[in-house]
Amino acid sequence: MKTSPLTQTVLDEARRQVETCCREFTDPDVATVRDAVEGVQQLTGALGELVDRIRDHASFAFDDENQYVGEELVRDLHATRGCLTTAGLLVAPALDDLRELTGSAADLTSTTPELTGSAVELTGTTPRTAAR
């Protein structure tokens, strides 16, 4: 896959960090599980932002003859964004429970992710109503 050197460096580093987390996630306690789930939720949010950015600019990469490929890609990325939004919403109640179990008052705020723009359009709901 051809990417810019900066993009490739960032993606390679992200992959290395995820691989490191996977290797080190052995025999966890509840706080470690909470931290890992928080990381997953944050990562799905960040990936959602990246998907939005790609979707918003992808169609410009295709000439008129191949525009149909760009249009299909945009639809696929829209669906991908929906899956990432759903992932964040699915772990929010469990993360709230994990925060209660670990007893940190600062951590007891709701973890339901904020949805913006296309994510709200995609799900047709707000984070608070979707998590109920």
C-alpha atoms as a PDB file:
ATOM      1  CA  MET A   1       0.000   0.000   0.000  1.00  0.00           C
ATOM      2  CA  LYS A   2       1.435   3.359  -1.012  1.00  0.00           C
ATOM      3  CA  THR A   3       1.250   6.029   1.678  1.00  0.00           C
ATOM      4  CA  SER A   4       3.154   9.185   2.428  1.00  0.00           C
ATOM      5  CA  PRO A   5       6.264   8.681   4.577  1.00  0.00           C
ATOM      6  CA  LEU A   6       4.725  10.602   7.491  1.00  0.00           C
ATOM      7  CA  THR A   7       1.473   8.643   7.343  1.00  0.00           C
ATOM      8  CA  GLN A   8       3.364   5.355   7.093  1.00  0.00           C
ATOM      9  CA  THR A   9       5.522   6.261  10.101  1.00  0.00           C
ATOM     10  CA  VAL A  10       2.476   7.117  12.205  1.00  0.00           C
ATOM     11  CA  LEU A  11       0.612   3.956  11.177  1.00  0.00           C
ATOM     12  CA  ASP A  12       3.669   1.776  11.815  1.00  0.00           C
ATOM     13  CA  GLU A  13       4.093   3.294  15.280  1.00  0.00           C
ATOM     14  CA  ALA A  14       0.403   2.770  16.080  1.00  0.00           C
ATOM     15  CA  ARG A  15       0.664  -0.886  15.041  1.00  0.00           C
ATOM     16  CA  ARG A  16       3.776  -1.355  17.193  1.00  0.00           C
ATOM     17  CA  GLN A  17       2.052   0.187  20.196  1.00  0.00           C
ATOM     18  CA  VAL A  18      -0.999  -2.064  19.799  1.00  0.00           C
ATOM     19  CA  GLU A  19       1.238  -5.126  19.419  1.00  0.00           C
ATOM     20  CA  THR A  20       3.122  -4.137  22.582  1.00  0.00           C
ATOM     21  CA  CYS A  21      -0.136  -3.774  24.510  1.00  0.00           C
ATOM     22  CA  CYS A  22      -1.308  -7.187  23.304  1.00  0.00           C
ATOM     23  CA  ARG A  23       1.958  -8.842  24.360  1.00  0.00           C
ATOM     24  CA  GLU A  24       1.960  -7.185  27.777  1.00  0.00           C
ATOM     25  CA  PHE A  25      -1.713  -7.830  28.562  1.00  0.00           C
ATOM     26  CA  THR A  26      -1.279 -10.954  30.662  1.00  0.00           C
ATOM     27  CA  ASP A  27      -2.756 -11.762  34.071  1.00  0.00           C
ATOM     28  CA  PRO A  28      -4.501  -8.372  34.416  1.00  0.00           C
ATOM     29  CA  ASP A  29      -6.247  -6.986  37.478  1.00  0.00           C
ATOM     30  CA  VAL A  30      -9.502  -4.995  37.221  1.00  0.00           C
ATOM     31  CA  ALA A  31      -7.694  -1.648  36.938  1.00  0.00           C
ATOM     32  CA  THR A  32      -5.572  -2.972  34.077  1.00  0.00           C
ATOM     33  CA  VAL A  33      -8.677  -4.261  32.303  1.00  0.00           C
ATOM     34  CA  ARG A  34     -10.310  -0.849  32.808  1.00  0.00           C
ATOM     35  CA  ASP A  35      -7.271   0.906  31.358  1.00  0.00           C
ATOM     36  CA  ALA A  36      -7.236  -1.436  28.369  1.00  0.00           C
ATOM     37  CA  VAL A  37     -10.952  -0.937  27.681  1.00  0.00           C
ATOM     38  CA  GLU A  38     -10.510   2.835  27.987  1.00  0.00           C
ATOM     39  CA  GLY A  39      -7.708   2.582  25.458  1.00  0.00           C
ATOM     40  CA  VAL A  40      -9.870   0.567  23.079  1.00  0.00           C
ATOM     41  CA  GLN A  41     -12.650   3.133  23.360  1.00  0.00           C
ATOM     42  CA  GLN A  42     -10.237   5.998  22.706  1.00  0.00           C
ATOM     43  CA  LEU A  43      -8.665   4.128  19.817  1.00  0.00           C
ATOM     44  CA  THR A  44     -12.021   3.465  18.152  1.00  0.00           C
ATOM     45  CA  GLY A  45     -12.794   7.176  18.459  1.00  0.00           C
ATOM     46  CA  ALA A  46      -9.465   8.115  16.898  1.00  0.00           C
ATOM     47  CA  LEU A  47      -9.945   5.576  14.115  1.00  0.00           C
ATOM     48  CA  GLY A  48     -13.401   7.020  13.511  1.00  0.00           C
ATOM     49  CA  GLU A  49     -11.883  10.465  13.067  1.00  0.00           C
ATOM     50  CA  LEU A  50      -9.349   9.050  10.619  1.00  0.00           C
ATOM     51  CA  VAL A  51     -12.097   7.276   8.671  1.00  0.00           C
ATOM     52  CA  ASP A  52     -14.058  10.548   8.535  1.00  0.00           C
ATOM     53  CA  ARG A  53     -11.011  12.352   7.176  1.00  0.00           C
ATOM     54  CA  ILE A  54     -10.347   9.689   4.551  1.00  0.00           C
ATOM     55  CA  ARG A  55     -14.019   9.583   3.566  1.00  0.00           C
ATOM     56  CA  ASP A  56     -14.194  13.364   3.226  1.00  0.00           C
ATOM     57  CA  HIS A  57     -11.218  13.467   0.862  1.00  0.00           C
ATOM     58  CA  ALA A  58     -11.135  10.069  -0.872  1.00  0.00           C
ATOM     59  CA  SER A  59     -13.421  10.893  -3.771  1.00  0.00           C
ATOM     60  CA  PHE A  60     -11.025  13.613  -4.943  1.00  0.00           C
ATOM     61  CA  ALA A  61      -8.379  10.964  -5.632  1.00  0.00           C
ATOM     62  CA  PHE A  62     -10.329   9.413  -8.513  1.00  0.00           C
ATOM     63  CA  ASP A  63     -10.594  10.696 -12.058  1.00  0.00           C
ATOM     64  CA  ASP A  64     -13.966  10.892 -13.816  1.00  0.00           C
ATOM     65  CA  GLU A  65     -13.554   7.453 -15.384  1.00  0.00           C
ATOM     66  CA  ASN A  66     -13.060   5.794 -11.987  1.00  0.00           C
ATOM     67  CA  GLN A  67     -15.301   8.027  -9.882  1.00  0.00           C
ATOM     68  CA  TYR A  68     -17.631   5.085  -9.193  1.00  0.00           C
ATOM     69  CA  VAL A  69     -14.816   3.472  -7.181  1.00  0.00           C
ATOM     70  CA  GLY A  70     -14.511   6.601  -5.057  1.00  0.00           C
ATOM     71  CA  GLU A  71     -18.255   6.741  -4.509  1.00  0.00           C
ATOM     72  CA  GLU A  72     -18.346   3.119  -3.386  1.00  0.00           C
ATOM     73  CA  LEU A  73     -15.365   3.720  -1.120  1.00  0.00           C
ATOM     74  CA  VAL A  74     -17.137   6.667   0.501  1.00  0.00           C
ATOM     75  CA  ARG A  75     -20.180   4.465   1.194  1.00  0.00           C
ATOM     76  CA  ASP A  76     -17.967   1.731   2.654  1.00  0.00           C
ATOM     77  CA  LEU A  77     -16.131   4.228   4.852  1.00  0.00           C
ATOM     78  CA  HIS A  78     -19.460   5.622   6.035  1.00  0.00           C
ATOM     79  CA  ALA A  79     -20.445   2.113   7.147  1.00  0.00           C
ATOM     80  CA  THR A  80     -17.033   1.602   8.751  1.00  0.00           C
ATOM     81  CA  ARG A  81     -17.522   4.810  10.729  1.00  0.00           C
ATOM     82  CA  GLY A  82     -20.836   3.482  11.957  1.00  0.00           C
ATOM     83  CA  CYS A  83     -19.189   0.297  13.200  1.00  0.00           C
ATOM     84  CA  LEU A  84     -16.528   2.272  15.053  1.00  0.00           C
ATOM     85  CA  THR A  85     -19.186   4.498  16.613  1.00  0.00           C
ATOM     86  CA  THR A  86     -21.112   1.425  17.712  1.00  0.00           C
ATOM     87  CA  ALA A  87     -17.959  -0.083  19.229  1.00  0.00           C
ATOM     88  CA  GLY A  88     -17.473   2.955  21.441  1.00  0.00           C
ATOM     89  CA  LEU A  89     -21.093   2.883  22.516  1.00  0.00           C
ATOM     90  CA  LEU A  90     -21.018  -0.839  23.272  1.00  0.00           C
ATOM     91  CA  VAL A  91     -18.117  -0.675  25.718  1.00  0.00           C
ATOM     92  CA  ALA A  92     -19.303   2.485  27.514  1.00  0.00           C
ATOM     93  CA  PRO A  93     -21.598   0.778  30.076  1.00  0.00           C
ATOM     94  CA  ALA A  94     -18.968  -1.870  30.861  1.00  0.00           C
ATOM     95  CA  LEU A  95     -16.351   0.827  31.258  1.00  0.00           C
ATOM     96  CA  ASP A  96     -18.612   2.692  33.677  1.00  0.00           C
ATOM     97  CA  ASP A  97     -18.924  -0.537  35.690  1.00  0.00           C
ATOM     98  CA  LEU A  98     -15.152  -1.062  35.649  1.00  0.00           C
ATOM     99  CA  ARG A  99     -14.637   2.479  36.906  1.00  0.00           C
ATOM    100  CA  GLU A 100     -17.081   1.851  39.746  1.00  0.00           C
ATOM    101  CA  LEU A 101     -15.255  -1.364  40.659  1.00  0.00           C
ATOM    102  CA  THR A 102     -11.914   0.409  40.804  1.00  0.00           C
ATOM    103  CA  GLY A 103     -13.457   3.162  42.948  1.00  0.00           C
ATOM    104  CA  SER A 104     -11.740   6.186  41.517  1.00  0.00           C
ATOM    105  CA  ALA A 105     -14.062   9.182  41.958  1.00  0.00           C
ATOM    106  CA  ALA A 106     -12.406  10.998  39.065  1.00  0.00           C
ATOM    107  CA  ASP A 107     -13.155   8.023  36.832  1.00  0.00           C
ATOM    108  CA  LEU A 108     -16.872   7.798  37.602  1.00  0.00           C
ATOM    109  CA  THR A 109     -17.967  10.157  34.830  1.00  0.00           C
ATOM    110  CA  SER A 110     -19.851   8.556  31.972  1.00  0.00           C
ATOM    111  CA  THR A 111     -17.744   7.102  29.186  1.00  0.00           C
ATOM    112  CA  THR A 112     -20.343   7.356  26.471  1.00  0.00           C
ATOM    113  CA  PRO A 113     -18.386   8.873  23.593  1.00  0.00           C
ATOM    114  CA  GLU A 114     -19.388  12.135  22.014  1.00  0.00           C
ATOM    115  CA  LEU A 115     -20.709  11.718  18.503  1.00  0.00           C
ATOM    116  CA  THR A 116     -20.268  14.440  15.960  1.00  0.00           C
ATOM    117  CA  GLY A 117     -21.522  15.192  12.502  1.00  0.00           C
ATOM    118  CA  SER A 118     -21.794  12.122  10.369  1.00  0.00           C
ATOM    119  CA  ALA A 119     -21.762   9.714  13.300  1.00  0.00           C
ATOM    120  CA  VAL A 120     -25.000  11.159  14.667  1.00  0.00           C
ATOM    121  CA  GLU A 121     -26.465  11.160  11.178  1.00  0.00           C
ATOM    122  CA  LEU A 122     -25.394   7.546  10.745  1.00  0.00           C
ATOM    123  CA  THR A 123     -26.865   6.220  13.978  1.00  0.00           C
ATOM    124  CA  GLY A 124     -29.857   8.556  14.080  1.00  0.00           C
ATOM    125  CA  THR A 125     -29.479   8.893  17.831  1.00  0.00           C
ATOM    126  CA  THR A 126     -27.477  10.710  20.449  1.00  0.00           C
ATOM    127  CA  PRO A 127     -24.901   8.960  22.646  1.00  0.00           C
ATOM    128  CA  ARG A 128     -27.107   9.133  25.727  1.00  0.00           C
ATOM    129  CA  THR A 129     -30.145   7.556  24.086  1.00  0.00           C
ATOM    130  CA  ALA A 130     -28.102   4.956  22.216  1.00  0.00           C
ATOM    131  CA  ALA A 131     -26.393   3.713  25.384  1.00  0.00           C
ATOM    132  CA  ARG A 132     -29.676   3.087  27.216  1.00  0.00           C
END
